[in-house]
PDB file of all heavy atoms in Angstrom:
ATOM      1  N   VAL A   1       4.279 -26.930 -12.583  1.00  0.00           N
ATOM      2  CA  VAL A   1       3.564 -25.764 -13.163  1.00  0.00           C
ATOM      3  C   VAL A   1       4.540 -24.806 -13.773  1.00  0.00           C
ATOM      4  O   VAL A   1       4.520 -24.362 -14.889  1.00  0.00           O
ATOM      5  CB  VAL A   1       2.809 -24.988 -11.975  1.00  0.00           C
ATOM      6  CG1 VAL A   1       2.287 -23.716 -12.537  1.00  0.00           C
ATOM      7  CG2 VAL A   1       1.727 -25.909 -11.460  1.00  0.00           C
ATOM      8  N   ALA A   2       5.554 -24.484 -12.976  1.00  0.00           N
ATOM      9  CA  ALA A   2       6.623 -23.444 -13.475  1.00  0.00           C
ATOM     10  C   ALA A   2       7.915 -23.649 -12.600  1.00  0.00           C
ATOM     11  O   ALA A   2       7.826 -24.012 -11.367  1.00  0.00           O
ATOM     12  CB  ALA A   2       6.104 -22.070 -13.398  1.00  0.00           C
ATOM     13  N   VAL A   3       9.076 -23.283 -13.203  1.00  0.00           N
ATOM     14  CA  VAL A   3      10.292 -23.284 -12.431  1.00  0.00           C
ATOM     15  C   VAL A   3      11.243 -22.219 -12.883  1.00  0.00           C
ATOM     16  O   VAL A   3      11.215 -21.861 -14.187  1.00  0.00           O
ATOM     17  CB  VAL A   3      10.995 -24.699 -12.539  1.00  0.00           C
ATOM     18  CG1 VAL A   3      11.457 -24.966 -13.896  1.00  0.00           C
ATOM     19  CG2 VAL A   3      12.092 -24.876 -11.585  1.00  0.00           C
ATOM     20  N   VAL A   4      12.006 -21.595 -12.034  1.00  0.00           N
ATOM     21  CA  VAL A   4      12.979 -20.680 -12.378  1.00  0.00           C
ATOM     22  C   VAL A   4      14.389 -21.259 -12.043  1.00  0.00           C
ATOM     23  O   VAL A   4      14.476 -21.923 -10.923  1.00  0.00           O
ATOM     24  CB  VAL A   4      12.854 -19.321 -11.759  1.00  0.00           C
ATOM     25  CG1 VAL A   4      12.811 -19.339 -10.261  1.00  0.00           C
ATOM     26  CG2 VAL A   4      13.993 -18.348 -12.215  1.00  0.00           C
ATOM     27  N   THR A   5      15.307 -21.220 -12.885  1.00  0.00           N
ATOM     28  CA  THR A   5      16.576 -21.967 -12.659  1.00  0.00           C
ATOM     29  C   THR A   5      17.359 -21.120 -11.618  1.00  0.00           C
ATOM     30  O   THR A   5      17.064 -19.990 -11.311  1.00  0.00           O
ATOM     31  CB  THR A   5      17.478 -22.029 -13.948  1.00  0.00           C
ATOM     32  OG1 THR A   5      17.653 -20.805 -14.507  1.00  0.00           O
ATOM     33  CG2 THR A   5      16.686 -22.955 -15.005  1.00  0.00           C
ATOM     34  N   TRP A   6      18.421 -21.838 -11.100  1.00  0.00           N
ATOM     35  CA  TRP A   6      19.219 -21.266  -9.957  1.00  0.00           C
ATOM     36  C   TRP A   6      19.827 -19.953 -10.398  1.00  0.00           C
ATOM     37  O   TRP A   6      20.059 -19.001  -9.555  1.00  0.00           O
ATOM     38  CB  TRP A   6      20.357 -22.189  -9.592  1.00  0.00           C
ATOM     39  CG  TRP A   6      21.334 -22.572 -10.646  1.00  0.00           C
ATOM     40  CD1 TRP A   6      21.323 -23.313 -11.652  1.00  0.00           C
ATOM     41  CD2 TRP A   6      22.581 -21.748 -10.804  1.00  0.00           C
ATOM     42  NE1 TRP A   6      22.373 -23.330 -12.385  1.00  0.00           N
ATOM     43  CE2 TRP A   6      23.267 -22.305 -11.898  1.00  0.00           C
ATOM     44  CE3 TRP A   6      23.174 -20.766 -10.115  1.00  0.00           C
ATOM     45  CZ2 TRP A   6      24.396 -21.858 -12.428  1.00  0.00           C
ATOM     46  CZ3 TRP A   6      24.490 -20.257 -10.587  1.00  0.00           C
ATOM     47  CH2 TRP A   6      25.081 -20.809 -11.639  1.00  0.00           C
ATOM     48  N   SER A   7      20.182 -19.737 -11.651  1.00  0.00           N
ATOM     49  CA  SER A   7      20.825 -18.509 -12.123  1.00  0.00           C
ATOM     50  C   SER A   7      19.711 -17.375 -12.320  1.00  0.00           C
ATOM     51  O   SER A   7      20.006 -16.257 -12.524  1.00  0.00           O
ATOM     52  CB  SER A   7      21.572 -18.726 -13.371  1.00  0.00           C
ATOM     53  OG  SER A   7      20.694 -19.071 -14.411  1.00  0.00           O
ATOM     54  N   GLY A   8      18.491 -17.791 -12.438  1.00  0.00           N
ATOM     55  CA  GLY A   8      17.443 -16.850 -12.731  1.00  0.00           C
ATOM     56  C   GLY A   8      17.340 -16.572 -14.254  1.00  0.00           C
ATOM     57  O   GLY A   8      16.530 -15.799 -14.736  1.00  0.00           O
ATOM     58  N   GLY A   9      18.211 -17.287 -15.009  1.00  0.00           N
ATOM     59  CA  GLY A   9      18.387 -17.008 -16.436  1.00  0.00           C
ATOM     60  C   GLY A   9      17.218 -17.666 -17.269  1.00  0.00           C
ATOM     61  O   GLY A   9      16.971 -17.171 -18.453  1.00  0.00           O
ATOM     62  N   SER A  10      16.573 -18.631 -16.716  1.00  0.00           N
ATOM     63  CA  SER A  10      15.530 -19.389 -17.542  1.00  0.00           C
ATOM     64  C   SER A  10      14.307 -19.645 -16.644  1.00  0.00           C
ATOM     65  O   SER A  10      14.560 -19.980 -15.498  1.00  0.00           O
ATOM     66  CB  SER A  10      16.107 -20.648 -18.106  1.00  0.00           C
ATOM     67  OG  SER A  10      17.167 -20.385 -19.009  1.00  0.00           O
ATOM     68  N   ILE A  11      13.108 -19.486 -17.219  1.00  0.00           N
ATOM     69  CA  ILE A  11      11.931 -19.931 -16.511  1.00  0.00           C
ATOM     70  C   ILE A  11      11.124 -20.849 -17.465  1.00  0.00           C
ATOM     71  O   ILE A  11      11.090 -20.592 -18.691  1.00  0.00           O
ATOM     72  CB  ILE A  11      11.010 -18.661 -16.202  1.00  0.00           C
ATOM     73  CG1 ILE A  11      11.829 -17.768 -15.285  1.00  0.00           C
ATOM     74  CG2 ILE A  11       9.719 -19.088 -15.572  1.00  0.00           C
ATOM     75  CD1 ILE A  11      11.030 -16.442 -14.934  1.00  0.00           C
ATOM     76  N   TYR A  12      10.729 -21.948 -17.046  1.00  0.00           N
ATOM     77  CA  TYR A  12      10.029 -22.863 -17.794  1.00  0.00           C
ATOM     78  C   TYR A  12       8.538 -23.037 -17.274  1.00  0.00           C
ATOM     79  O   TYR A  12       8.341 -22.978 -16.014  1.00  0.00           O
ATOM     80  CB  TYR A  12      10.770 -24.263 -17.739  1.00  0.00           C
ATOM     81  CG  TYR A  12      12.098 -24.204 -18.346  1.00  0.00           C
ATOM     82  CD1 TYR A  12      13.246 -24.034 -17.479  1.00  0.00           C
ATOM     83  CD2 TYR A  12      12.357 -24.225 -19.680  1.00  0.00           C
ATOM     84  CE1 TYR A  12      14.476 -24.006 -17.950  1.00  0.00           C
ATOM     85  CE2 TYR A  12      13.654 -24.173 -20.117  1.00  0.00           C
ATOM     86  CZ  TYR A  12      14.649 -24.044 -19.319  1.00  0.00           C
ATOM     87  OH  TYR A  12      16.031 -23.988 -19.821  1.00  0.00           O
ATOM     88  N   TYR A  13       7.561 -23.295 -18.144  1.00  0.00           N
ATOM     89  CA  TYR A  13       6.189 -23.368 -17.773  1.00  0.00           C
ATOM     90  C   TYR A  13       5.630 -24.680 -18.361  1.00  0.00           C
ATOM     91  O   TYR A  13       6.074 -25.139 -19.444  1.00  0.00           O
ATOM     92  CB  TYR A  13       5.377 -22.243 -18.309  1.00  0.00           C
ATOM     93  CG  TYR A  13       5.797 -20.889 -17.723  1.00  0.00           C
ATOM     94  CD1 TYR A  13       6.682 -20.025 -18.365  1.00  0.00           C
ATOM     95  CD2 TYR A  13       5.263 -20.440 -16.468  1.00  0.00           C
ATOM     96  CE1 TYR A  13       7.027 -18.817 -17.854  1.00  0.00           C
ATOM     97  CE2 TYR A  13       5.582 -19.250 -15.959  1.00  0.00           C
ATOM     98  CZ  TYR A  13       6.530 -18.462 -16.667  1.00  0.00           C
ATOM     99  OH  TYR A  13       6.830 -17.183 -16.159  1.00  0.00           O
ATOM    100  N   ALA A  14       4.719 -25.276 -17.626  1.00  0.00           N
ATOM    101  CA  ALA A  14       3.901 -26.316 -18.213  1.00  0.00           C
ATOM    102  C   ALA A  14       3.120 -25.820 -19.383  1.00  0.00           C
ATOM    103  O   ALA A  14       2.659 -24.569 -19.376  1.00  0.00           O
ATOM    104  CB  ALA A  14       3.002 -26.939 -17.165  1.00  0.00           C
ATOM    105  N   ASP A  15       2.870 -26.606 -20.394  1.00  0.00           N
ATOM    106  CA  ASP A  15       2.141 -26.162 -21.498  1.00  0.00           C
ATOM    107  C   ASP A  15       0.716 -25.699 -21.137  1.00  0.00           C
ATOM    108  O   ASP A  15       0.161 -24.797 -21.788  1.00  0.00           O
ATOM    109  CB  ASP A  15       1.996 -27.312 -22.547  1.00  0.00           C
ATOM    110  CG  ASP A  15       3.388 -27.609 -23.295  1.00  0.00           C
ATOM    111  OD1 ASP A  15       4.197 -26.748 -23.204  1.00  0.00           O
ATOM    112  OD2 ASP A  15       3.527 -28.691 -23.786  1.00  0.00           O
ATOM    113  N   SER A  16       0.143 -26.328 -20.040  1.00  0.00           N
ATOM    114  CA  SER A  16      -1.225 -25.929 -19.681  1.00  0.00           C
ATOM    115  C   SER A  16      -1.318 -24.590 -19.070  1.00  0.00           C
ATOM    116  O   SER A  16      -2.465 -24.020 -19.036  1.00  0.00           O
ATOM    117  CB  SER A  16      -1.790 -27.057 -18.610  1.00  0.00           C
ATOM    118  OG  SER A  16      -0.870 -27.050 -17.504  1.00  0.00           O
ATOM    119  N   VAL A  17      -0.222 -23.987 -18.688  1.00  0.00           N
ATOM    120  CA  VAL A  17      -0.286 -22.665 -18.123  1.00  0.00           C
ATOM    121  C   VAL A  17       0.408 -21.591 -18.826  1.00  0.00           C
ATOM    122  O   VAL A  17       0.418 -20.442 -18.528  1.00  0.00           O
ATOM    123  CB  VAL A  17       0.195 -22.714 -16.639  1.00  0.00           C
ATOM    124  CG1 VAL A  17      -0.536 -23.798 -15.841  1.00  0.00           C
ATOM    125  CG2 VAL A  17       1.736 -22.824 -16.572  1.00  0.00           C
ATOM    126  N   LYS A  18       1.154 -22.094 -19.872  1.00  0.00           N
ATOM    127  CA  LYS A  18       1.961 -21.067 -20.659  1.00  0.00           C
ATOM    128  C   LYS A  18       1.132 -19.979 -21.272  1.00  0.00           C
ATOM    129  O   LYS A  18       0.034 -20.256 -21.815  1.00  0.00           O
ATOM    130  CB  LYS A  18       2.669 -21.880 -21.713  1.00  0.00           C
ATOM    131  CG  LYS A  18       3.952 -21.153 -22.284  1.00  0.00           C
ATOM    132  CD  LYS A  18       4.686 -22.138 -23.198  1.00  0.00           C
ATOM    133  CE  LYS A  18       5.219 -23.251 -22.526  1.00  0.00           C
ATOM    134  NZ  LYS A  18       6.072 -24.254 -23.413  1.00  0.00           N
ATOM    135  N   GLY A  19       1.595 -18.732 -21.020  1.00  0.00           N
ATOM    136  CA  GLY A  19       0.898 -17.631 -21.563  1.00  0.00           C
ATOM    137  C   GLY A  19      -0.177 -17.056 -20.583  1.00  0.00           C
ATOM    138  O   GLY A  19      -0.803 -15.976 -20.779  1.00  0.00           O
ATOM    139  N   ARG A  20      -0.422 -17.741 -19.573  1.00  0.00           N
ATOM    140  CA  ARG A  20      -1.430 -17.364 -18.492  1.00  0.00           C
ATOM    141  C   ARG A  20      -0.796 -17.136 -17.125  1.00  0.00           C
ATOM    142  O   ARG A  20      -1.257 -16.273 -16.454  1.00  0.00           O
ATOM    143  CB  ARG A  20      -2.507 -18.439 -18.300  1.00  0.00           C
ATOM    144  CG  ARG A  20      -3.285 -18.721 -19.635  1.00  0.00           C
ATOM    145  CD  ARG A  20      -4.510 -19.560 -19.361  1.00  0.00           C
ATOM    146  NE  ARG A  20      -4.198 -20.933 -18.826  1.00  0.00           N
ATOM    147  CZ  ARG A  20      -4.574 -21.412 -17.678  1.00  0.00           C
ATOM    148  NH1 ARG A  20      -5.320 -20.669 -16.866  1.00  0.00           N
ATOM    149  NH2 ARG A  20      -4.167 -22.584 -17.394  1.00  0.00           N
ATOM    150  N   PHE A  21       0.198 -17.918 -16.816  1.00  0.00           N
ATOM    151  CA  PHE A  21       0.888 -17.738 -15.476  1.00  0.00           C
ATOM    152  C   PHE A  21       2.326 -17.135 -15.692  1.00  0.00           C
ATOM    153  O   PHE A  21       3.015 -17.474 -16.745  1.00  0.00           O
ATOM    154  CB  PHE A  21       1.093 -19.191 -14.884  1.00  0.00           C
ATOM    155  CG  PHE A  21      -0.166 -19.850 -14.401  1.00  0.00           C
ATOM    156  CD1 PHE A  21      -1.352 -19.313 -14.761  1.00  0.00           C
ATOM    157  CD2 PHE A  21      -0.085 -20.924 -13.645  1.00  0.00           C
ATOM    158  CE1 PHE A  21      -2.626 -19.952 -14.278  1.00  0.00           C
ATOM    159  CE2 PHE A  21      -1.219 -21.590 -13.075  1.00  0.00           C
ATOM    160  CZ  PHE A  21      -2.524 -21.085 -13.523  1.00  0.00           C
ATOM    161  N   THR A  22       2.702 -16.450 -14.772  1.00  0.00           N
ATOM    162  CA  THR A  22       4.054 -15.841 -14.780  1.00  0.00           C
ATOM    163  C   THR A  22       4.762 -15.997 -13.432  1.00  0.00           C
ATOM    164  O   THR A  22       4.223 -15.568 -12.406  1.00  0.00           O
ATOM    165  CB  THR A  22       3.971 -14.275 -15.072  1.00  0.00           C
ATOM    166  OG1 THR A  22       3.202 -14.110 -16.244  1.00  0.00           O
ATOM    167  CG2 THR A  22       5.309 -13.688 -15.218  1.00  0.00           C
ATOM    168  N   LEU A  23       5.980 -16.575 -13.494  1.00  0.00           N
ATOM    169  CA  LEU A  23       6.702 -16.737 -12.315  1.00  0.00           C
ATOM    170  C   LEU A  23       7.706 -15.594 -12.183  1.00  0.00           C
ATOM    171  O   LEU A  23       8.417 -15.215 -13.177  1.00  0.00           O
ATOM    172  CB  LEU A  23       7.442 -18.051 -12.283  1.00  0.00           C
ATOM    173  CG  LEU A  23       8.238 -18.531 -11.053  1.00  0.00           C
ATOM    174  CD1 LEU A  23       8.385 -20.100 -11.108  1.00  0.00           C
ATOM    175  CD2 LEU A  23       9.586 -17.917 -10.999  1.00  0.00           C
ATOM    176  N   SER A  24       7.887 -15.016 -11.053  1.00  0.00           N
ATOM    177  CA  SER A  24       8.902 -14.042 -10.773  1.00  0.00           C
ATOM    178  C   SER A  24       9.360 -14.155  -9.401  1.00  0.00           C
ATOM    179  O   SER A  24       8.824 -15.012  -8.593  1.00  0.00           O
ATOM    180  CB  SER A  24       8.260 -12.622 -10.920  1.00  0.00           C
ATOM    181  OG  SER A  24       7.280 -12.415 -10.003  1.00  0.00           O
ATOM    182  N   ARG A  25      10.458 -13.499  -8.987  1.00  0.00           N
ATOM    183  CA  ARG A  25      11.051 -13.635  -7.767  1.00  0.00           C
ATOM    184  C   ARG A  25      11.753 -12.367  -7.282  1.00  0.00           C
ATOM    185  O   ARG A  25      12.191 -11.609  -8.136  1.00  0.00           O
ATOM    186  CB  ARG A  25      12.002 -14.818  -7.550  1.00  0.00           C
ATOM    187  CG  ARG A  25      13.204 -14.670  -8.579  1.00  0.00           C
ATOM    188  CD  ARG A  25      14.158 -15.882  -8.397  1.00  0.00           C
ATOM    189  NE  ARG A  25      15.383 -15.705  -9.162  1.00  0.00           N
ATOM    190  CZ  ARG A  25      16.383 -16.559  -9.117  1.00  0.00           C
ATOM    191  NH1 ARG A  25      16.332 -17.614  -8.393  1.00  0.00           N
ATOM    192  NH2 ARG A  25      17.445 -16.321  -9.808  1.00  0.00           N
ATOM    193  N   ASP A  26      11.699 -12.089  -6.073  1.00  0.00           N
ATOM    194  CA  ASP A  26      12.331 -10.894  -5.474  1.00  0.00           C
ATOM    195  C   ASP A  26      13.342 -11.435  -4.488  1.00  0.00           C
ATOM    196  O   ASP A  26      13.053 -11.846  -3.293  1.00  0.00           O
ATOM    197  CB  ASP A  26      11.323 -10.021  -4.779  1.00  0.00           C
ATOM    198  CG  ASP A  26      11.878  -8.677  -4.149  1.00  0.00           C
ATOM    199  OD1 ASP A  26      13.061  -8.727  -3.887  1.00  0.00           O
ATOM    200  OD2 ASP A  26      11.050  -7.766  -4.127  1.00  0.00           O
ATOM    201  N   LEU A  27      14.650 -11.430  -4.856  1.00  0.00           N
ATOM    202  CA  LEU A  27      15.713 -12.013  -4.083  1.00  0.00           C
ATOM    203  C   LEU A  27      15.886 -11.246  -2.666  1.00  0.00           C
ATOM    204  O   LEU A  27      16.184 -11.825  -1.701  1.00  0.00           O
ATOM    205  CB  LEU A  27      17.006 -12.100  -4.779  1.00  0.00           C
ATOM    206  CG  LEU A  27      16.948 -13.027  -5.990  1.00  0.00           C
ATOM    207  CD1 LEU A  27      18.400 -13.034  -6.688  1.00  0.00           C
ATOM    208  CD2 LEU A  27      16.566 -14.353  -5.663  1.00  0.00           C
ATOM    209  N   ALA A  28      15.711  -9.925  -2.741  1.00  0.00           N
ATOM    210  CA  ALA A  28      15.850  -9.137  -1.596  1.00  0.00           C
ATOM    211  C   ALA A  28      14.850  -9.495  -0.479  1.00  0.00           C
ATOM    212  O   ALA A  28      15.087  -9.351   0.722  1.00  0.00           O
ATOM    213  CB  ALA A  28      15.776  -7.643  -1.874  1.00  0.00           C
TER     214      ALA A  28
END
């Protein structure tokens, strides 16, 4: 579905969810 890289610098989405889904993270 989606992945964020270890550095947090890149997020990739499956074509089927691109534009509709958003991945984010709160490291704290």
